[in-house]
Structure formats: C-alpha cells, structure tokens
C-alpha cells in the first residue's frame, strides 16, 4: 500500500507539530485497485 506523509515545505519544521492520518496509518488500500474506467467501473469512488 502507498502511504502519505506531510511536513513543512519551507520554513521551521516546528510550525507543523502534529498530523493524524485516517484511515489507519494513512495508506491507500490495495483493494481499490486497479481502476477499470468510468464506462464499466460506474460506481467507483476513489479511496481517500
């Protein structure tokens, strides 16, 4: 699974002291892939 992290892009790292990720540890579960296209995968909702 692909994960997500966040940090200060420029400036003091202490400006961003805490971030929580959901669901779980902030990953995109494999079960939502592959995507087959809007014509046949009509009810597909992208994971967040």
ModelCIF file with pLDDT and N, C-alpha, C, O atoms, coordinates in Angstrom:
data_MODEL
#
_entry.id   MODEL 
#
_entity.id                         1 
_entity.type                       polymer 
_entity.pdbx_number_of_molecules   1 
#
_entity_poly.entity_id                      1 
_entity_poly.type                           'polypeptide(L)' 
_entity_poly.nstd_linkage                   no 
_entity_poly.nstd_monomer                   no 
_entity_poly.pdbx_seq_one_letter_code       
;(UNK)(UNK)(UNK)(UNK)(UNK)(UNK)(UNK)(UNK)(UNK)(UNK)(UNK)(UNK)(UNK)(UNK)(UNK)(UNK)
(UNK)(UNK)(UNK)(UNK)(UNK)(UNK)(UNK)(UNK)(UNK)(UNK)(UNK)(UNK)(UNK)(UNK)(UNK)(UNK)
(UNK)(UNK)(UNK)(UNK)(UNK)(UNK)(UNK)(UNK)(UNK)(UNK)(UNK)(UNK)(UNK)(UNK)(UNK)(UNK)
;
_entity_poly.pdbx_seq_one_letter_code_can   XXXXXXXXXXXXXXXXXXXXXXXXXXXXXXXXXXXXXXXXXXXXXXXX 
_entity_poly.pdbx_strand_id                 A 
#
loop_
_entity_poly_seq.entity_id 
_entity_poly_seq.num 
_entity_poly_seq.mon_id 
_entity_poly_seq.hetero 
1 1  UNK n 
1 2  UNK n 
1 3  UNK n 
1 4  UNK n 
1 5  UNK n 
1 6  UNK n 
1 7  UNK n 
1 8  UNK n 
1 9  UNK n 
1 10 UNK n 
1 11 UNK n 
1 12 UNK n 
1 13 UNK n 
1 14 UNK n 
1 15 UNK n 
1 16 UNK n 
1 17 UNK n 
1 18 UNK n 
1 19 UNK n 
1 20 UNK n 
1 21 UNK n 
1 22 UNK n 
1 23 UNK n 
1 24 UNK n 
1 25 UNK n 
1 26 UNK n 
1 27 UNK n 
1 28 UNK n 
1 29 UNK n 
1 30 UNK n 
1 31 UNK n 
1 32 UNK n 
1 33 UNK n 
1 34 UNK n 
1 35 UNK n 
1 36 UNK n 
1 37 UNK n 
1 38 UNK n 
1 39 UNK n 
1 40 UNK n 
1 41 UNK n 
1 42 UNK n 
1 43 UNK n 
1 44 UNK n 
1 45 UNK n 
1 46 UNK n 
1 47 UNK n 
1 48 UNK n 
#
_struct_asym.id          A 
_struct_asym.entity_id   1 
#
loop_
_ma_qa_metric.id 
_ma_qa_metric.mode 
_ma_qa_metric.name 
_ma_qa_metric.software_group_id 
_ma_qa_metric.type 
1 global pLDDT . pLDDT 
2 local  pLDDT . pLDDT 
#
_ma_qa_metric_global.metric_id      1 
_ma_qa_metric_global.metric_value   94.71 
_ma_qa_metric_global.model_id       1 
_ma_qa_metric_global.ordinal_id     1 
#
loop_
_ma_qa_metric_local.label_asym_id 
_ma_qa_metric_local.label_comp_id 
_ma_qa_metric_local.label_seq_id 
_ma_qa_metric_local.metric_id 
_ma_qa_metric_local.metric_value 
_ma_qa_metric_local.model_id 
_ma_qa_metric_local.ordinal_id 
A UNK 1  2 96.00 1 1  
A UNK 2  2 96.00 1 2  
A UNK 3  2 97.00 1 3  
A UNK 4  2 97.00 1 4  
A UNK 5  2 96.00 1 5  
A UNK 6  2 97.00 1 6  
A UNK 7  2 96.00 1 7  
A UNK 8  2 96.00 1 8  
A UNK 9  2 93.00 1 9  
A UNK 10 2 88.00 1 10 
A UNK 11 2 88.00 1 11 
A UNK 12 2 93.00 1 12 
A UNK 13 2 93.00 1 13 
A UNK 14 2 93.00 1 14 
A UNK 15 2 96.00 1 15 
A UNK 16 2 96.00 1 16 
A UNK 17 2 94.00 1 17 
A UNK 18 2 95.00 1 18 
A UNK 19 2 96.00 1 19 
A UNK 20 2 97.00 1 20 
A UNK 21 2 98.00 1 21 
A UNK 22 2 97.00 1 22 
A UNK 23 2 94.00 1 23 
A UNK 24 2 82.00 1 24 
A UNK 25 2 86.00 1 25 
A UNK 26 2 95.00 1 26 
A UNK 27 2 97.00 1 27 
A UNK 28 2 97.00 1 28 
A UNK 29 2 97.00 1 29 
A UNK 30 2 97.00 1 30 
A UNK 31 2 97.00 1 31 
A UNK 32 2 97.00 1 32 
A UNK 33 2 96.00 1 33 
A UNK 34 2 96.00 1 34 
A UNK 35 2 96.00 1 35 
A UNK 36 2 95.00 1 36 
A UNK 37 2 93.00 1 37 
A UNK 38 2 91.00 1 38 
A UNK 39 2 92.00 1 39 
A UNK 40 2 94.00 1 40 
A UNK 41 2 95.00 1 41 
A UNK 42 2 91.00 1 42 
A UNK 43 2 94.00 1 43 
A UNK 44 2 97.00 1 44 
A UNK 45 2 96.00 1 45 
A UNK 46 2 97.00 1 46 
A UNK 47 2 98.00 1 47 
A UNK 48 2 98.00 1 48 
#
loop_
_atom_site.group_PDB 
_atom_site.id 
_atom_site.type_symbol 
_atom_site.label_atom_id 
_atom_site.label_alt_id 
_atom_site.label_comp_id 
_atom_site.label_asym_id 
_atom_site.label_entity_id 
_atom_site.label_seq_id 
_atom_site.pdbx_PDB_ins_code 
_atom_site.Cartn_x 
_atom_site.Cartn_y 
_atom_site.Cartn_z 
_atom_site.occupancy 
_atom_site.B_iso_or_equiv 
_atom_site.pdbx_formal_charge 
_atom_site.auth_seq_id 
_atom_site.auth_comp_id 
_atom_site.auth_asym_id 
_atom_site.auth_atom_id 
_atom_site.pdbx_PDB_model_num 
ATOM 1   N N  . UNK A 1 1  ? 0.809   -1.224 0.000   1.00 96.00 ? 1  UNK A N  1 
ATOM 2   C CA . UNK A 1 1  ? 0.000   0.000  0.000   1.00 96.00 ? 1  UNK A CA 1 
ATOM 3   C C  . UNK A 1 1  ? 0.841   1.273  0.000   1.00 96.00 ? 1  UNK A C  1 
ATOM 4   O O  . UNK A 1 1  ? 1.856   1.361  0.691   1.00 96.00 ? 1  UNK A O  1 
ATOM 5   N N  . UNK A 1 2  ? 0.409   2.246  -0.777  1.00 96.00 ? 2  UNK A N  1 
ATOM 6   C CA . UNK A 1 2  ? 1.058   3.557  -0.820  1.00 96.00 ? 2  UNK A CA 1 
ATOM 7   C C  . UNK A 1 2  ? 0.646   4.348  0.416   1.00 96.00 ? 2  UNK A C  1 
ATOM 8   O O  . UNK A 1 2  ? -0.528  4.362  0.789   1.00 96.00 ? 2  UNK A O  1 
ATOM 9   N N  . UNK A 1 3  ? 1.607   5.001  1.045   1.00 97.00 ? 3  UNK A N  1 
ATOM 10  C CA . UNK A 1 3  ? 1.339   5.761  2.267   1.00 97.00 ? 3  UNK A CA 1 
ATOM 11  C C  . UNK A 1 3  ? 1.503   7.257  2.013   1.00 97.00 ? 3  UNK A C  1 
ATOM 12  O O  . UNK A 1 3  ? 1.986   7.677  0.962   1.00 97.00 ? 3  UNK A O  1 
ATOM 13  N N  . UNK A 1 4  ? 1.091   8.044  2.997   1.00 97.00 ? 4  UNK A N  1 
ATOM 14  C CA . UNK A 1 4  ? 1.138   9.509  2.890   1.00 97.00 ? 4  UNK A CA 1 
ATOM 15  C C  . UNK A 1 4  ? 1.898   10.072 4.086   1.00 97.00 ? 4  UNK A C  1 
ATOM 16  O O  . UNK A 1 4  ? 1.742   9.603  5.213   1.00 97.00 ? 4  UNK A O  1 
ATOM 17  N N  . UNK A 1 5  ? 2.713   11.071 3.827   1.00 96.00 ? 5  UNK A N  1 
ATOM 18  C CA . UNK A 1 5  ? 3.311   11.823 4.938   1.00 96.00 ? 5  UNK A CA 1 
ATOM 19  C C  . UNK A 1 5  ? 3.253   13.307 4.618   1.00 96.00 ? 5  UNK A C  1 
ATOM 20  O O  . UNK A 1 5  ? 3.138   13.697 3.457   1.00 96.00 ? 5  UNK A O  1 
ATOM 21  N N  . UNK A 1 6  ? 3.334   14.132 5.656   1.00 97.00 ? 6  UNK A N  1 
ATOM 22  C CA . UNK A 1 6  ? 3.275   15.588 5.492   1.00 97.00 ? 6  UNK A CA 1 
ATOM 23  C C  . UNK A 1 6  ? 4.378   16.236 6.324   1.00 97.00 ? 6  UNK A C  1 
ATOM 24  O O  . UNK A 1 6  ? 4.697   15.779 7.422   1.00 97.00 ? 6  UNK A O  1 
ATOM 25  N N  . UNK A 1 7  ? 4.950   17.300 5.786   1.00 96.00 ? 7  UNK A N  1 
ATOM 26  C CA . UNK A 1 7  ? 5.968   18.051 6.514   1.00 96.00 ? 7  UNK A CA 1 
ATOM 27  C C  . UNK A 1 7  ? 5.959   19.494 6.032   1.00 96.00 ? 7  UNK A C  1 
ATOM 28  O O  . UNK A 1 7  ? 5.341   19.816 5.017   1.00 96.00 ? 7  UNK A O  1 
ATOM 29  N N  . UNK A 1 8  ? 6.649   20.356 6.765   1.00 96.00 ? 8  UNK A N  1 
ATOM 30  C CA . UNK A 1 8  ? 6.773   21.753 6.359   1.00 96.00 ? 8  UNK A CA 1 
ATOM 31  C C  . UNK A 1 8  ? 7.620   21.814 5.098   1.00 96.00 ? 8  UNK A C  1 
ATOM 32  O O  . UNK A 1 8  ? 8.730   21.284 5.057   1.00 96.00 ? 8  UNK A O  1 
ATOM 33  N N  . UNK A 1 9  ? 7.084   22.466 4.066   1.00 93.00 ? 9  UNK A N  1 
ATOM 34  C CA . UNK A 1 9  ? 7.774   22.513 2.785   1.00 93.00 ? 9  UNK A CA 1 
ATOM 35  C C  . UNK A 1 9  ? 8.900   23.550 2.789   1.00 93.00 ? 9  UNK A C  1 
ATOM 36  O O  . UNK A 1 9  ? 9.971   23.322 2.226   1.00 93.00 ? 9  UNK A O  1 
ATOM 37  N N  . UNK A 1 10 ? 8.644   24.683 3.429   1.00 88.00 ? 10 UNK A N  1 
ATOM 38  C CA . UNK A 1 10 ? 9.702   25.660 3.649   1.00 88.00 ? 10 UNK A CA 1 
ATOM 39  C C  . UNK A 1 10 ? 9.382   26.430 4.923   1.00 88.00 ? 10 UNK A C  1 
ATOM 40  O O  . UNK A 1 10 ? 8.238   26.806 5.176   1.00 88.00 ? 10 UNK A O  1 
ATOM 41  N N  . UNK A 1 11 ? 10.419  26.651 5.710   1.00 88.00 ? 11 UNK A N  1 
ATOM 42  C CA . UNK A 1 11 ? 10.211  27.277 7.000   1.00 88.00 ? 11 UNK A CA 1 
ATOM 43  C C  . UNK A 1 11 ? 10.670  26.379 8.133   1.00 88.00 ? 11 UNK A C  1 
ATOM 44  O O  . UNK A 1 11 ? 11.432  25.435 7.919   1.00 88.00 ? 11 UNK A O  1 
ATOM 45  N N  . UNK A 1 12 ? 10.211  26.672 9.323   1.00 93.00 ? 12 UNK A N  1 
ATOM 46  C CA . UNK A 1 12 ? 10.600  25.932 10.520  1.00 93.00 ? 12 UNK A CA 1 
ATOM 47  C C  . UNK A 1 12 ? 9.775   24.660 10.654  1.00 93.00 ? 12 UNK A C  1 
ATOM 48  O O  . UNK A 1 12 ? 8.546   24.719 10.608  1.00 93.00 ? 12 UNK A O  1 
ATOM 49  N N  . UNK A 1 13 ? 10.419  23.521 10.817  1.00 93.00 ? 13 UNK A N  1 
ATOM 50  C CA . UNK A 1 13 ? 9.702   22.252 10.937  1.00 93.00 ? 13 UNK A CA 1 
ATOM 51  C C  . UNK A 1 13 ? 8.751   22.230 12.123  1.00 93.00 ? 13 UNK A C  1 
ATOM 52  O O  . UNK A 1 13 ? 7.757   21.504 12.106  1.00 93.00 ? 13 UNK A O  1 
ATOM 53  N N  . UNK A 1 14 ? 9.042   23.015 13.152  1.00 93.00 ? 14 UNK A N  1 
ATOM 54  C CA . UNK A 1 14 ? 8.198   23.036 14.352  1.00 93.00 ? 14 UNK A CA 1 
ATOM 55  C C  . UNK A 1 14 ? 6.864   23.740 14.118  1.00 93.00 ? 14 UNK A C  1 
ATOM 56  O O  . UNK A 1 14 ? 5.991   23.714 14.985  1.00 93.00 ? 14 UNK A O  1 
ATOM 57  N N  . UNK A 1 15 ? 6.697   24.373 12.945  1.00 96.00 ? 15 UNK A N  1 
ATOM 58  C CA . UNK A 1 15 ? 5.417   25.019 12.640  1.00 96.00 ? 15 UNK A CA 1 
ATOM 59  C C  . UNK A 1 15 ? 4.308   23.982 12.471  1.00 96.00 ? 15 UNK A C  1 
ATOM 60  O O  . UNK A 1 15 ? 3.130   24.294 12.646  1.00 96.00 ? 15 UNK A O  1 
ATOM 61  N N  . UNK A 1 16 ? 4.683   22.765 12.134  1.00 96.00 ? 16 UNK A N  1 
ATOM 62  C CA . UNK A 1 16 ? 3.723   21.663 11.986  1.00 96.00 ? 16 UNK A CA 1 
ATOM 63  C C  . UNK A 1 16 ? 4.112   20.596 13.004  1.00 96.00 ? 16 UNK A C  1 
ATOM 64  O O  . UNK A 1 16 ? 5.027   19.804 12.778  1.00 96.00 ? 16 UNK A O  1 
ATOM 65  N N  . UNK A 1 17 ? 3.394   20.594 14.133  1.00 94.00 ? 17 UNK A N  1 
ATOM 66  C CA . UNK A 1 17 ? 3.799   19.734 15.243  1.00 94.00 ? 17 UNK A CA 1 
ATOM 67  C C  . UNK A 1 17 ? 3.088   18.392 15.290  1.00 94.00 ? 17 UNK A C  1 
ATOM 68  O O  . UNK A 1 17 ? 3.600   17.435 15.870  1.00 94.00 ? 17 UNK A O  1 
ATOM 69  N N  . UNK A 1 18 ? 1.904   18.316 14.678  1.00 95.00 ? 18 UNK A N  1 
ATOM 70  C CA . UNK A 1 18 ? 1.171   17.052 14.772  1.00 95.00 ? 18 UNK A CA 1 
ATOM 71  C C  . UNK A 1 18 ? 0.164   16.910 13.630  1.00 95.00 ? 18 UNK A C  1 
ATOM 72  O O  . UNK A 1 18 ? -0.599  17.828 13.329  1.00 95.00 ? 18 UNK A O  1 
ATOM 73  N N  . UNK A 1 19 ? 0.186   15.729 13.005  1.00 96.00 ? 19 UNK A N  1 
ATOM 74  C CA . UNK A 1 19 ? -0.786  15.389 11.962  1.00 96.00 ? 19 UNK A CA 1 
ATOM 75  C C  . UNK A 1 19 ? -1.242  13.951 12.193  1.00 96.00 ? 19 UNK A C  1 
ATOM 76  O O  . UNK A 1 19 ? -0.419  13.051 12.361  1.00 96.00 ? 19 UNK A O  1 
ATOM 77  N N  . UNK A 1 20 ? -2.557  13.740 12.201  1.00 97.00 ? 20 UNK A N  1 
ATOM 78  C CA . UNK A 1 20 ? -3.109  12.388 12.291  1.00 97.00 ? 20 UNK A CA 1 
ATOM 79  C C  . UNK A 1 20 ? -3.629  11.997 10.909  1.00 97.00 ? 20 UNK A C  1 
ATOM 80  O O  . UNK A 1 20 ? -4.153  12.829 10.168  1.00 97.00 ? 20 UNK A O  1 
ATOM 81  N N  . UNK A 1 21 ? -3.474  10.712 10.577  1.00 98.00 ? 21 UNK A N  1 
ATOM 82  C CA . UNK A 1 21 ? -3.895  10.220 9.273   1.00 98.00 ? 21 UNK A CA 1 
ATOM 83  C C  . UNK A 1 21 ? -4.982  9.158  9.415   1.00 98.00 ? 21 UNK A C  1 
ATOM 84  O O  . UNK A 1 21 ? -4.908  8.292  10.288  1.00 98.00 ? 21 UNK A O  1 
ATOM 85  N N  . UNK A 1 22 ? -5.981  9.234  8.557   1.00 97.00 ? 22 UNK A N  1 
ATOM 86  C CA . UNK A 1 22 ? -7.051  8.237  8.521   1.00 97.00 ? 22 UNK A CA 1 
ATOM 87  C C  . UNK A 1 22 ? -7.310  7.849  7.062   1.00 97.00 ? 22 UNK A C  1 
ATOM 88  O O  . UNK A 1 22 ? -7.119  8.678  6.172   1.00 97.00 ? 22 UNK A O  1 
ATOM 89  N N  . UNK A 1 23 ? -7.740  6.608  6.794   1.00 94.00 ? 23 UNK A N  1 
ATOM 90  C CA . UNK A 1 23 ? -7.899  5.514  7.760   1.00 94.00 ? 23 UNK A CA 1 
ATOM 91  C C  . UNK A 1 23 ? -6.556  4.909  8.154   1.00 94.00 ? 23 UNK A C  1 
ATOM 92  O O  . UNK A 1 23 ? -5.550  5.055  7.459   1.00 94.00 ? 23 UNK A O  1 
ATOM 93  N N  . UNK A 1 24 ? -6.580  4.230  9.289   1.00 82.00 ? 24 UNK A N  1 
ATOM 94  C CA . UNK A 1 24 ? -5.387  3.529  9.757   1.00 82.00 ? 24 UNK A CA 1 
ATOM 95  C C  . UNK A 1 24 ? -4.185  4.431  9.855   1.00 82.00 ? 24 UNK A C  1 
ATOM 96  O O  . UNK A 1 24 ? -4.221  5.478  10.501  1.00 82.00 ? 24 UNK A O  1 
ATOM 97  N N  . UNK A 1 25 ? -3.128  4.014  9.210   1.00 86.00 ? 25 UNK A N  1 
ATOM 98  C CA . UNK A 1 25 ? -1.885  4.783  9.257   1.00 86.00 ? 25 UNK A CA 1 
ATOM 99  C C  . UNK A 1 25 ? -1.678  5.622  8.007   1.00 86.00 ? 25 UNK A C  1 
ATOM 100 O O  . UNK A 1 25 ? -0.543  5.940  7.653   1.00 86.00 ? 25 UNK A O  1 
ATOM 101 N N  . UNK A 1 26 ? -2.755  5.978  7.345   1.00 95.00 ? 26 UNK A N  1 
ATOM 102 C CA . UNK A 1 26 ? -2.663  6.847  6.179   1.00 95.00 ? 26 UNK A CA 1 
ATOM 103 C C  . UNK A 1 26 ? -2.187  6.161  4.932   1.00 95.00 ? 26 UNK A C  1 
ATOM 104 O O  . UNK A 1 26 ? -1.233  6.609  4.296   1.00 95.00 ? 26 UNK A O  1 
ATOM 105 N N  . UNK A 1 27 ? -2.848  5.063  4.568   1.00 97.00 ? 27 UNK A N  1 
ATOM 106 C CA . UNK A 1 27 ? -2.472  4.325  3.361   1.00 97.00 ? 27 UNK A CA 1 
ATOM 107 C C  . UNK A 1 27 ? -3.685  4.147  2.445   1.00 97.00 ? 27 UNK A C  1 
ATOM 108 O O  . UNK A 1 27 ? -4.833  4.207  2.885   1.00 97.00 ? 27 UNK A O  1 
ATOM 109 N N  . UNK A 1 28 ? -3.394  3.927  1.155   1.00 97.00 ? 28 UNK A N  1 
ATOM 110 C CA . UNK A 1 28 ? -4.425  3.620  0.172   1.00 97.00 ? 28 UNK A CA 1 
ATOM 111 C C  . UNK A 1 28 ? -4.465  2.097  0.005   1.00 97.00 ? 28 UNK A C  1 
ATOM 112 O O  . UNK A 1 28 ? -3.547  1.506  -0.564  1.00 97.00 ? 28 UNK A O  1 
ATOM 113 N N  . UNK A 1 29 ? -5.522  1.473  0.500   1.00 97.00 ? 29 UNK A N  1 
ATOM 114 C CA . UNK A 1 29 ? -5.611  0.013  0.468   1.00 97.00 ? 29 UNK A CA 1 
ATOM 115 C C  . UNK A 1 29 ? -5.572  -0.507 -0.961  1.00 97.00 ? 29 UNK A C  1 
ATOM 116 O O  . UNK A 1 29 ? -6.137  0.100  -1.870  1.00 97.00 ? 29 UNK A O  1 
ATOM 117 N N  . UNK A 1 30 ? -4.906  -1.626 -1.147  1.00 97.00 ? 30 UNK A N  1 
ATOM 118 C CA . UNK A 1 30 ? -4.755  -2.218 -2.480  1.00 97.00 ? 30 UNK A CA 1 
ATOM 119 C C  . UNK A 1 30 ? -6.079  -2.645 -3.095  1.00 97.00 ? 30 UNK A C  1 
ATOM 120 O O  . UNK A 1 30 ? -6.193  -2.734 -4.318  1.00 97.00 ? 30 UNK A O  1 
ATOM 121 N N  . UNK A 1 31 ? -7.077  -2.909 -2.267  1.00 97.00 ? 31 UNK A N  1 
ATOM 122 C CA . UNK A 1 31 ? -8.332  -3.464 -2.797  1.00 97.00 ? 31 UNK A CA 1 
ATOM 123 C C  . UNK A 1 31 ? -9.086  -2.492 -3.703  1.00 97.00 ? 31 UNK A C  1 
ATOM 124 O O  . UNK A 1 31 ? -10.004 -2.902 -4.414  1.00 97.00 ? 31 UNK A O  1 
ATOM 125 N N  . UNK A 1 32 ? -8.717  -1.221 -3.689  1.00 97.00 ? 32 UNK A N  1 
ATOM 126 C CA . UNK A 1 32 ? -9.387  -0.235 -4.548  1.00 97.00 ? 32 UNK A CA 1 
ATOM 127 C C  . UNK A 1 32 ? -8.762  -0.154 -5.939  1.00 97.00 ? 32 UNK A C  1 
ATOM 128 O O  . UNK A 1 32 ? -9.134  0.696  -6.748  1.00 97.00 ? 32 UNK A O  1 
ATOM 129 N N  . UNK A 1 33 ? -7.822  -1.035 -6.204  1.00 96.00 ? 33 UNK A N  1 
ATOM 130 C CA . UNK A 1 33 ? -7.112  -1.020 -7.492  1.00 96.00 ? 33 UNK A CA 1 
ATOM 131 C C  . UNK A 1 33 ? -7.105  -2.417 -8.107  1.00 96.00 ? 33 UNK A C  1 
ATOM 132 O O  . UNK A 1 33 ? -7.158  -3.406 -7.376  1.00 96.00 ? 33 UNK A O  1 
ATOM 133 N N  . UNK A 1 34 ? -7.041  -2.519 -9.431  1.00 96.00 ? 34 UNK A N  1 
ATOM 134 C CA . UNK A 1 34 ? -6.969  -1.427 -10.399 1.00 96.00 ? 34 UNK A CA 1 
ATOM 135 C C  . UNK A 1 34 ? -8.337  -0.806 -10.693 1.00 96.00 ? 34 UNK A C  1 
ATOM 136 O O  . UNK A 1 34 ? -9.386  -1.372 -10.384 1.00 96.00 ? 34 UNK A O  1 
ATOM 137 N N  . UNK A 1 35 ? -8.280  0.370  -11.298 1.00 96.00 ? 35 UNK A N  1 
ATOM 138 C CA . UNK A 1 35 ? -9.468  1.083  -11.750 1.00 96.00 ? 35 UNK A CA 1 
ATOM 139 C C  . UNK A 1 35 ? -9.689  0.727  -13.219 1.00 96.00 ? 35 UNK A C  1 
ATOM 140 O O  . UNK A 1 35 ? -8.747  0.713  -14.011 1.00 96.00 ? 35 UNK A O  1 
ATOM 141 N N  . UNK A 1 36 ? -10.951 0.439  -13.578 1.00 95.00 ? 36 UNK A N  1 
ATOM 142 C CA . UNK A 1 36 ? -11.247 -0.050 -14.919 1.00 95.00 ? 36 UNK A CA 1 
ATOM 143 C C  . UNK A 1 36 ? -11.871 0.984  -15.861 1.00 95.00 ? 36 UNK A C  1 
ATOM 144 O O  . UNK A 1 36 ? -12.243 0.650  -16.986 1.00 95.00 ? 36 UNK A O  1 
ATOM 145 N N  . UNK A 1 37 ? -11.988 2.228  -15.411 1.00 93.00 ? 37 UNK A N  1 
ATOM 146 C CA . UNK A 1 37 ? -12.527 3.260  -16.290 1.00 93.00 ? 37 UNK A CA 1 
ATOM 147 C C  . UNK A 1 37 ? -13.975 3.595  -15.987 1.00 93.00 ? 37 UNK A C  1 
ATOM 148 O O  . UNK A 1 37 ? -14.716 2.759  -15.468 1.00 93.00 ? 37 UNK A O  1 
ATOM 149 N N  . UNK A 1 38 ? -14.385 4.826  -16.313 1.00 91.00 ? 38 UNK A N  1 
ATOM 150 C CA . UNK A 1 38 ? -15.713 5.308  -15.922 1.00 91.00 ? 38 UNK A CA 1 
ATOM 151 C C  . UNK A 1 38 ? -16.852 4.609  -16.659 1.00 91.00 ? 38 UNK A C  1 
ATOM 152 O O  . UNK A 1 38 ? -17.986 4.622  -16.180 1.00 91.00 ? 38 UNK A O  1 
ATOM 153 N N  . UNK A 1 39 ? -16.576 3.998  -17.814 1.00 92.00 ? 39 UNK A N  1 
ATOM 154 C CA . UNK A 1 39 ? -17.652 3.347  -18.567 1.00 92.00 ? 39 UNK A CA 1 
ATOM 155 C C  . UNK A 1 39 ? -18.108 2.066  -17.886 1.00 92.00 ? 39 UNK A C  1 
ATOM 156 O O  . UNK A 1 39 ? -19.307 1.802  -17.808 1.00 92.00 ? 39 UNK A O  1 
ATOM 157 N N  . UNK A 1 40 ? -17.167 1.267  -17.392 1.00 94.00 ? 40 UNK A N  1 
ATOM 158 C CA . UNK A 1 40 ? -17.528 -0.016 -16.771 1.00 94.00 ? 40 UNK A CA 1 
ATOM 159 C C  . UNK A 1 40 ? -17.453 0.025  -15.245 1.00 94.00 ? 40 UNK A C  1 
ATOM 160 O O  . UNK A 1 40 ? -18.163 -0.729 -14.579 1.00 94.00 ? 40 UNK A O  1 
ATOM 161 N N  . UNK A 1 41 ? -16.605 0.890  -14.677 1.00 95.00 ? 41 UNK A N  1 
ATOM 162 C CA . UNK A 1 41 ? -16.473 0.967  -13.221 1.00 95.00 ? 41 UNK A CA 1 
ATOM 163 C C  . UNK A 1 41 ? -17.357 2.108  -12.718 1.00 95.00 ? 41 UNK A C  1 
ATOM 164 O O  . UNK A 1 41 ? -16.876 3.084  -12.143 1.00 95.00 ? 41 UNK A O  1 
ATOM 165 N N  . UNK A 1 42 ? -18.644 1.960  -12.946 1.00 91.00 ? 42 UNK A N  1 
ATOM 166 C CA . UNK A 1 42 ? -19.571 3.093  -12.823 1.00 91.00 ? 42 UNK A CA 1 
ATOM 167 C C  . UNK A 1 42 ? -19.732 3.609  -11.392 1.00 91.00 ? 42 UNK A C  1 
ATOM 168 O O  . UNK A 1 42 ? -19.921 4.811  -11.205 1.00 91.00 ? 42 UNK A O  1 
ATOM 169 N N  . UNK A 1 43 ? -19.666 2.754  -10.388 1.00 94.00 ? 43 UNK A N  1 
ATOM 170 C CA . UNK A 1 43 ? -19.883 3.185  -9.016  1.00 94.00 ? 43 UNK A CA 1 
ATOM 171 C C  . UNK A 1 43 ? -18.583 3.397  -8.246  1.00 94.00 ? 43 UNK A C  1 
ATOM 172 O O  . UNK A 1 43 ? -18.599 3.563  -7.027  1.00 94.00 ? 43 UNK A O  1 
ATOM 173 N N  . UNK A 1 44 ? -17.478 3.393  -8.951  1.00 97.00 ? 44 UNK A N  1 
ATOM 174 C CA . UNK A 1 44 ? -16.170 3.508  -8.297  1.00 97.00 ? 44 UNK A CA 1 
ATOM 175 C C  . UNK A 1 44 ? -16.038 4.852  -7.592  1.00 97.00 ? 44 UNK A C  1 
ATOM 176 O O  . UNK A 1 44 ? -16.291 5.903  -8.181  1.00 97.00 ? 44 UNK A O  1 
ATOM 177 N N  . UNK A 1 45 ? -15.640 4.803  -6.329  1.00 96.00 ? 45 UNK A N  1 
ATOM 178 C CA . UNK A 1 45 ? -15.319 6.017  -5.571  1.00 96.00 ? 45 UNK A CA 1 
ATOM 179 C C  . UNK A 1 45 ? -13.870 5.912  -5.121  1.00 96.00 ? 45 UNK A C  1 
ATOM 180 O O  . UNK A 1 45 ? -13.486 4.945  -4.462  1.00 96.00 ? 45 UNK A O  1 
ATOM 181 N N  . UNK A 1 46 ? -13.091 6.881  -5.467  1.00 97.00 ? 46 UNK A N  1 
ATOM 182 C CA . UNK A 1 46 ? -11.662 6.848  -5.173  1.00 97.00 ? 46 UNK A CA 1 
ATOM 183 C C  . UNK A 1 46 ? -11.406 6.781  -3.674  1.00 97.00 ? 46 UNK A C  1 
ATOM 184 O O  . UNK A 1 46 ? -12.060 7.485  -2.905  1.00 97.00 ? 46 UNK A O  1 
ATOM 185 N N  . UNK A 1 47 ? -10.465 5.945  -3.249  1.00 98.00 ? 47 UNK A N  1 
ATOM 186 C CA . UNK A 1 47 ? -10.099 5.922  -1.828  1.00 98.00 ? 47 UNK A CA 1 
ATOM 187 C C  . UNK A 1 47 ? -9.467  7.244  -1.423  1.00 98.00 ? 47 UNK A C  1 
ATOM 188 O O  . UNK A 1 47 ? -8.898  7.948  -2.258  1.00 98.00 ? 47 UNK A O  1 
ATOM 189 N N  . UNK A 1 48 ? -9.565  7.575  -0.164  1.00 98.00 ? 48 UNK A N  1 
ATOM 190 C CA . UNK A 1 48 ? -9.047  8.842  0.354   1.00 98.00 ? 48 UNK A CA 1 
ATOM 191 C C  . UNK A 1 48 ? -8.135  8.602  1.544   1.00 98.00 ? 48 UNK A C  1 
ATOM 192 O O  . UNK A 1 48 ? -7.603  9.554  2.116   1.00 98.00 ? 48 UNK A O  1 
#
